[in-house]
Amino acid sequence: MANNSKNNNTKDNGFNDFKNFFASCWGGIIGAILGLIFACTSAYRIVIGIIIIVACCWAGYYFQYNKEKVKNALKNFIDKL
């Protein structure tokens, strides 16, 4: 009996370790699974396109509302060249 309960306790600890690992790293695990799906289905092209569109929208918004700051930064960059 004692040996049987020891084995159950070891199995429970293993399951608890797995649960703790999954609970602490679930974002990375889901990300890896999605990455594999995107890579295998060539869906990464769509994702990259969406990222480029969002980045360009953000840049346009930033440039519109920070004209002077961008203008001075570009001027300083060109002067260094």
Protein backbone atom coordinates (compact mmCIF):
# COMPACT_ATOMS: atom_id res chain seq x y z
CA MET A 1 0.00 0.00 0.00
CA ALA A 2 2.69 2.47 0.93
CA ASN A 3 4.54 1.83 -2.32
CA ASN A 4 1.34 2.37 -4.32
CA SER A 5 0.63 5.74 -2.68
CA LYS A 6 4.24 6.77 -3.30
CA ASN A 7 3.82 6.12 -7.02
CA ASN A 8 0.56 8.09 -7.09
CA ASN A 9 2.24 10.97 -5.28
CA THR A 10 5.07 10.97 -7.83
CA LYS A 11 2.57 10.99 -10.69
CA ASP A 12 0.66 13.84 -9.08
CA ASN A 13 3.86 15.85 -8.64
CA GLY A 14 4.73 15.27 -12.29
CA PHE A 15 1.29 16.46 -13.35
CA ASN A 16 1.54 19.47 -11.03
CA ASP A 17 4.95 20.32 -12.48
CA PHE A 18 3.46 20.14 -15.98
CA LYS A 19 0.49 22.28 -14.92
CA ASN A 20 2.82 24.85 -13.35
CA PHE A 21 5.03 24.93 -16.44
CA PHE A 22 2.04 25.32 -18.76
CA ALA A 23 0.47 27.99 -16.52
CA SER A 24 3.67 30.05 -16.49
CA CYS A 25 4.57 29.62 -20.19
CA TRP A 26 1.19 29.35 -21.92
CA GLY A 27 1.77 32.44 -24.08
CA GLY A 28 5.00 31.06 -25.49
CA ILE A 29 3.48 27.66 -26.13
CA ILE A 30 0.46 29.14 -27.95
CA GLY A 31 2.77 31.45 -29.90
CA ALA A 32 4.96 28.54 -30.98
CA ILE A 33 1.93 26.54 -32.13
CA LEU A 34 0.57 29.52 -34.09
CA GLY A 35 4.03 30.13 -35.57
CA LEU A 36 4.20 26.55 -36.79
CA ILE A 37 0.74 26.81 -38.31
CA PHE A 38 1.62 30.09 -40.06
CA ALA A 39 4.92 28.69 -41.36
CA CYS A 40 3.33 25.48 -42.65
CA THR A 41 0.42 27.20 -44.38
CA SER A 42 2.25 30.24 -45.79
CA ALA A 43 -0.13 32.43 -43.79
CA TYR A 44 2.90 34.36 -42.57
CA ARG A 45 2.72 36.41 -45.77
CA ILE A 46 -0.65 37.78 -44.71
CA VAL A 47 0.60 38.44 -41.18
CA ILE A 48 3.70 40.26 -42.45
CA GLY A 49 1.50 42.35 -44.76
CA ILE A 50 -0.79 43.30 -41.87
CA ILE A 51 2.23 44.21 -39.71
CA ILE A 52 3.63 46.44 -42.46
CA ILE A 53 0.26 48.17 -42.92
CA VAL A 54 -0.11 48.79 -39.18
CA ALA A 55 3.48 50.07 -38.91
CA CYS A 56 2.96 52.48 -41.81
CA CYS A 57 -0.32 53.73 -40.31
CA TRP A 58 1.41 54.33 -36.98
CA ALA A 59 4.33 56.11 -38.68
CA GLY A 60 1.97 58.37 -40.65
CA TYR A 61 0.04 59.24 -37.50
CA TYR A 62 3.28 59.94 -35.60
CA PHE A 63 4.69 62.11 -38.40
CA GLN A 64 1.45 64.07 -38.68
CA TYR A 65 1.33 65.00 -35.00
CA ASN A 66 5.08 65.45 -34.45
CA LYS A 67 6.08 67.39 -37.57
CA GLU A 68 8.66 69.64 -35.92
CA LYS A 69 10.32 66.83 -34.02
CA VAL A 70 10.57 64.67 -37.15
CA LYS A 71 11.75 67.61 -39.22
CA ASN A 72 14.55 68.39 -36.76
CA ALA A 73 15.56 64.72 -36.48
CA LEU A 74 15.77 64.37 -40.28
CA LYS A 75 17.71 67.62 -40.54
CA ASN A 76 20.23 66.45 -37.94
CA PHE A 77 20.52 63.05 -39.67
CA ILE A 78 21.16 64.66 -43.07
CA ASP A 79 23.71 67.05 -41.56
CA LYS A 80 25.65 64.07 -40.14
CA LEU A 81 25.87 62.50 -43.60
